[in-house]
Amino acid sequence: MSKTAVITARLDAETLAALDALALTRERSRAWLVAKAIKRFVEQETAFDAFIQEGDDAIDRGDYLTQEQMEAWIAQRYPAKDAA
């Protein structure tokens, strides 16, 4: 069995009412919904941070295109069509 911790959060009345309505609809507690939301948020933000780090690491290795190189690549890949 995993250990859990109790945290406190302040919600405005409208958000709390929406949370309660969702809890009723899902037949779950506020705590269950909040824990699930926090877990999802942390997973998404952690993945985003890893994505950013991957880009930073690529730049550190010199594995990137300059603005000019990217523009040339796009121009080659998608040549402008004559407006005839």
N, C-alpha and C. Protein backbone atom coordinates (compact mmCIF):
# COMPACT_ATOMS: atom_id res chain seq x y z
N MET A 1 0.84 -1.18 0.00
CA MET A 1 0.00 0.00 0.00
C MET A 1 0.89 1.24 0.00
N SER A 2 0.56 2.19 -0.86
CA SER A 2 1.39 3.38 -0.96
C SER A 2 1.01 4.41 0.10
N LYS A 3 1.98 5.20 0.47
CA LYS A 3 1.72 6.26 1.43
C LYS A 3 1.13 7.45 0.69
N THR A 4 0.29 8.18 1.35
CA THR A 4 -0.29 9.39 0.77
C THR A 4 -0.05 10.55 1.71
N ALA A 5 -0.22 11.75 1.17
CA ALA A 5 -0.07 12.96 1.97
C ALA A 5 -1.31 13.82 1.77
N VAL A 6 -1.61 14.61 2.75
CA VAL A 6 -2.74 15.52 2.68
C VAL A 6 -2.22 16.91 2.33
N ILE A 7 -2.86 17.55 1.35
CA ILE A 7 -2.52 18.92 1.01
C ILE A 7 -3.80 19.75 1.06
N THR A 8 -3.63 21.04 1.09
CA THR A 8 -4.77 21.95 1.13
C THR A 8 -4.72 22.86 -0.08
N ALA A 9 -5.88 23.10 -0.66
CA ALA A 9 -5.96 24.01 -1.81
C ALA A 9 -7.17 24.91 -1.62
N ARG A 10 -7.06 26.13 -2.08
CA ARG A 10 -8.18 27.07 -2.02
C ARG A 10 -8.83 27.15 -3.39
N LEU A 11 -10.14 26.97 -3.43
CA LEU A 11 -10.89 27.04 -4.68
C LEU A 11 -11.97 28.09 -4.55
N ASP A 12 -12.27 28.76 -5.65
CA ASP A 12 -13.38 29.69 -5.63
C ASP A 12 -14.69 28.88 -5.62
N ALA A 13 -15.76 29.52 -5.25
CA ALA A 13 -17.05 28.84 -5.07
C ALA A 13 -17.52 28.15 -6.35
N GLU A 14 -17.31 28.79 -7.49
CA GLU A 14 -17.76 28.23 -8.76
C GLU A 14 -17.01 26.93 -9.10
N THR A 15 -15.69 26.94 -8.89
CA THR A 15 -14.89 25.74 -9.16
C THR A 15 -15.26 24.63 -8.19
N LEU A 16 -15.45 24.98 -6.94
CA LEU A 16 -15.84 23.98 -5.95
C LEU A 16 -17.18 23.36 -6.29
N ALA A 17 -18.13 24.17 -6.71
CA ALA A 17 -19.45 23.64 -7.10
C ALA A 17 -19.32 22.72 -8.30
N ALA A 18 -18.49 23.10 -9.28
CA ALA A 18 -18.27 22.25 -10.45
C ALA A 18 -17.60 20.94 -10.05
N LEU A 19 -16.66 21.01 -9.13
CA LEU A 19 -15.99 19.81 -8.63
C LEU A 19 -16.98 18.89 -7.94
N ASP A 20 -17.82 19.46 -7.10
CA ASP A 20 -18.83 18.66 -6.41
C ASP A 20 -19.81 18.01 -7.39
N ALA A 21 -20.21 18.75 -8.42
CA ALA A 21 -21.12 18.20 -9.42
C ALA A 21 -20.45 17.05 -10.17
N LEU A 22 -19.19 17.22 -10.52
CA LEU A 22 -18.46 16.16 -11.21
C LEU A 22 -18.28 14.95 -10.31
N ALA A 23 -17.98 15.19 -9.05
CA ALA A 23 -17.83 14.08 -8.10
C ALA A 23 -19.14 13.29 -7.99
N LEU A 24 -20.24 13.99 -7.95
CA LEU A 24 -21.54 13.33 -7.87
C LEU A 24 -21.81 12.51 -9.13
N THR A 25 -21.54 13.10 -10.27
CA THR A 25 -21.76 12.41 -11.55
C THR A 25 -20.88 11.17 -11.68
N ARG A 26 -19.64 11.30 -11.27
CA ARG A 26 -18.69 10.19 -11.40
C ARG A 26 -18.75 9.20 -10.24
N GLU A 27 -19.54 9.55 -9.24
CA GLU A 27 -19.63 8.73 -8.03
C GLU A 27 -18.25 8.53 -7.40
N ARG A 28 -17.52 9.63 -7.31
CA ARG A 28 -16.20 9.66 -6.70
C ARG A 28 -16.14 10.80 -5.70
N SER A 29 -15.15 10.77 -4.86
CA SER A 29 -15.01 11.85 -3.87
C SER A 29 -14.25 13.02 -4.49
N ARG A 30 -14.38 14.17 -3.84
CA ARG A 30 -13.57 15.33 -4.23
C ARG A 30 -12.10 14.95 -4.23
N ALA A 31 -11.68 14.30 -3.16
CA ALA A 31 -10.27 13.96 -3.00
C ALA A 31 -9.77 13.08 -4.14
N TRP A 32 -10.59 12.12 -4.57
CA TRP A 32 -10.19 11.23 -5.66
C TRP A 32 -10.00 12.02 -6.93
N LEU A 33 -10.96 12.91 -7.24
CA LEU A 33 -10.87 13.72 -8.45
C LEU A 33 -9.68 14.67 -8.41
N VAL A 34 -9.46 15.31 -7.28
CA VAL A 34 -8.34 16.23 -7.16
C VAL A 34 -7.01 15.49 -7.29
N ALA A 35 -6.90 14.34 -6.65
CA ALA A 35 -5.66 13.56 -6.75
C ALA A 35 -5.40 13.14 -8.19
N LYS A 36 -6.45 12.72 -8.89
CA LYS A 36 -6.30 12.32 -10.29
C LYS A 36 -5.87 13.52 -11.14
N ALA A 37 -6.49 14.68 -10.91
CA ALA A 37 -6.14 15.89 -11.67
C ALA A 37 -4.70 16.30 -11.42
N ILE A 38 -4.28 16.26 -10.17
CA ILE A 38 -2.90 16.64 -9.84
C ILE A 38 -1.92 15.67 -10.47
N LYS A 39 -2.21 14.39 -10.40
CA LYS A 39 -1.33 13.38 -10.99
C LYS A 39 -1.19 13.62 -12.49
N ARG A 40 -2.31 13.85 -13.17
CA ARG A 40 -2.27 14.11 -14.61
C ARG A 40 -1.46 15.36 -14.92
N PHE A 41 -1.68 16.42 -14.14
CA PHE A 41 -0.95 17.67 -14.33
C PHE A 41 0.55 17.46 -14.17
N VAL A 42 0.94 16.78 -13.11
CA VAL A 42 2.36 16.55 -12.85
C VAL A 42 2.99 15.71 -13.96
N GLU A 43 2.29 14.68 -14.43
CA GLU A 43 2.82 13.86 -15.51
C GLU A 43 3.00 14.68 -16.78
N GLN A 44 2.02 15.51 -17.13
CA GLN A 44 2.10 16.32 -18.34
C GLN A 44 3.22 17.36 -18.24
N GLU A 45 3.32 18.02 -17.11
CA GLU A 45 4.35 19.04 -16.94
C GLU A 45 5.75 18.42 -16.91
N THR A 46 5.89 17.25 -16.32
CA THR A 46 7.16 16.54 -16.29
C THR A 46 7.57 16.14 -17.71
N ALA A 47 6.61 15.65 -18.50
CA ALA A 47 6.89 15.28 -19.89
C ALA A 47 7.29 16.51 -20.69
N PHE A 48 6.62 17.64 -20.46
CA PHE A 48 6.95 18.87 -21.16
C PHE A 48 8.35 19.34 -20.80
N ASP A 49 8.68 19.29 -19.52
CA ASP A 49 10.04 19.66 -19.08
C ASP A 49 11.09 18.78 -19.75
N ALA A 50 10.81 17.48 -19.87
CA ALA A 50 11.75 16.56 -20.52
C ALA A 50 11.90 16.91 -22.00
N PHE A 51 10.80 17.29 -22.64
CA PHE A 51 10.82 17.70 -24.04
C PHE A 51 11.70 18.94 -24.22
N ILE A 52 11.52 19.91 -23.35
CA ILE A 52 12.34 21.12 -23.41
C ILE A 52 13.81 20.79 -23.17
N GLN A 53 14.08 19.93 -22.21
CA GLN A 53 15.47 19.53 -21.92
C GLN A 53 16.09 18.84 -23.12
N GLU A 54 15.32 18.03 -23.81
CA GLU A 54 15.81 17.34 -25.00
C GLU A 54 16.25 18.38 -26.06
N GLY A 55 15.46 19.42 -26.22
CA GLY A 55 15.83 20.49 -27.14
C GLY A 55 17.07 21.23 -26.69
N ASP A 56 17.14 21.54 -25.41
CA ASP A 56 18.34 22.20 -24.87
C ASP A 56 19.59 21.35 -25.07
N ASP A 57 19.45 20.05 -24.85
CA ASP A 57 20.58 19.15 -25.04
C ASP A 57 21.02 19.11 -26.50
N ALA A 58 20.05 19.13 -27.42
CA ALA A 58 20.37 19.14 -28.85
C ALA A 58 21.13 20.41 -29.21
N ILE A 59 20.70 21.53 -28.67
CA ILE A 59 21.40 22.79 -28.93
C ILE A 59 22.82 22.73 -28.38
N ASP A 60 22.98 22.20 -27.19
CA ASP A 60 24.32 22.07 -26.59
C ASP A 60 25.24 21.20 -27.46
N ARG A 61 24.67 20.20 -28.14
CA ARG A 61 25.45 19.33 -29.02
C ARG A 61 25.70 19.98 -30.39
N GLY A 62 25.03 21.11 -30.63
CA GLY A 62 25.16 21.76 -31.93
C GLY A 62 24.23 21.18 -32.96
N ASP A 63 23.25 20.42 -32.52
CA ASP A 63 22.31 19.74 -33.40
C ASP A 63 21.06 20.60 -33.58
N TYR A 64 21.19 21.61 -34.44
CA TYR A 64 20.07 22.51 -34.69
C TYR A 64 20.29 23.22 -36.02
N LEU A 65 19.25 23.86 -36.53
CA LEU A 65 19.34 24.66 -37.74
C LEU A 65 19.22 26.13 -37.37
N THR A 66 19.96 26.97 -38.08
CA THR A 66 19.81 28.40 -37.88
C THR A 66 18.51 28.85 -38.56
N GLN A 67 18.11 30.06 -38.32
CA GLN A 67 16.91 30.62 -38.96
C GLN A 67 17.05 30.55 -40.48
N GLU A 68 18.21 30.93 -40.99
CA GLU A 68 18.44 30.92 -42.42
C GLU A 68 18.39 29.51 -42.99
N GLN A 69 18.99 28.55 -42.29
CA GLN A 69 18.97 27.16 -42.75
C GLN A 69 17.53 26.62 -42.76
N MET A 70 16.76 26.97 -41.76
CA MET A 70 15.38 26.50 -41.70
C MET A 70 14.56 27.11 -42.83
N GLU A 71 14.76 28.40 -43.10
CA GLU A 71 14.03 29.05 -44.18
C GLU A 71 14.38 28.42 -45.53
N ALA A 72 15.67 28.11 -45.74
CA ALA A 72 16.09 27.46 -46.98
C ALA A 72 15.47 26.07 -47.09
N TRP A 73 15.42 25.33 -46.00
CA TRP A 73 14.84 23.99 -46.00
C TRP A 73 13.35 24.06 -46.36
N ILE A 74 12.64 25.01 -45.78
CA ILE A 74 11.21 25.16 -46.05
C ILE A 74 11.00 25.57 -47.51
N ALA A 75 11.81 26.50 -48.00
CA ALA A 75 11.68 26.94 -49.39
C ALA A 75 11.92 25.79 -50.36
N GLN A 76 12.86 24.93 -50.03
CA GLN A 76 13.16 23.77 -50.89
C GLN A 76 12.03 22.75 -50.81
N ARG A 77 11.53 22.55 -49.64
CA ARG A 77 10.48 21.53 -49.44
C ARG A 77 9.14 21.99 -49.98
N TYR A 78 8.85 23.25 -49.84
CA TYR A 78 7.56 23.81 -50.28
C TYR A 78 7.81 24.99 -51.21
N PRO A 79 8.20 24.71 -52.45
CA PRO A 79 8.49 25.82 -53.36
C PRO A 79 7.23 26.65 -53.64
N ALA A 80 7.44 27.94 -53.78
CA ALA A 80 6.32 28.85 -54.06
C ALA A 80 5.76 28.53 -55.43
N LYS A 81 4.45 28.52 -55.54
CA LYS A 81 3.80 28.24 -56.82
C LYS A 81 3.56 29.56 -57.54
N ASP A 82 3.79 29.54 -58.84
CA ASP A 82 3.56 30.74 -59.62
C ASP A 82 2.07 31.08 -59.62
N ALA A 83 1.77 32.33 -59.42
CA ALA A 83 0.38 32.78 -59.44
C ALA A 83 0.03 33.20 -60.86
N ALA A 84 -0.27 32.24 -61.69
CA ALA A 84 -0.55 32.53 -63.10
C ALA A 84 -2.02 32.55 -63.38
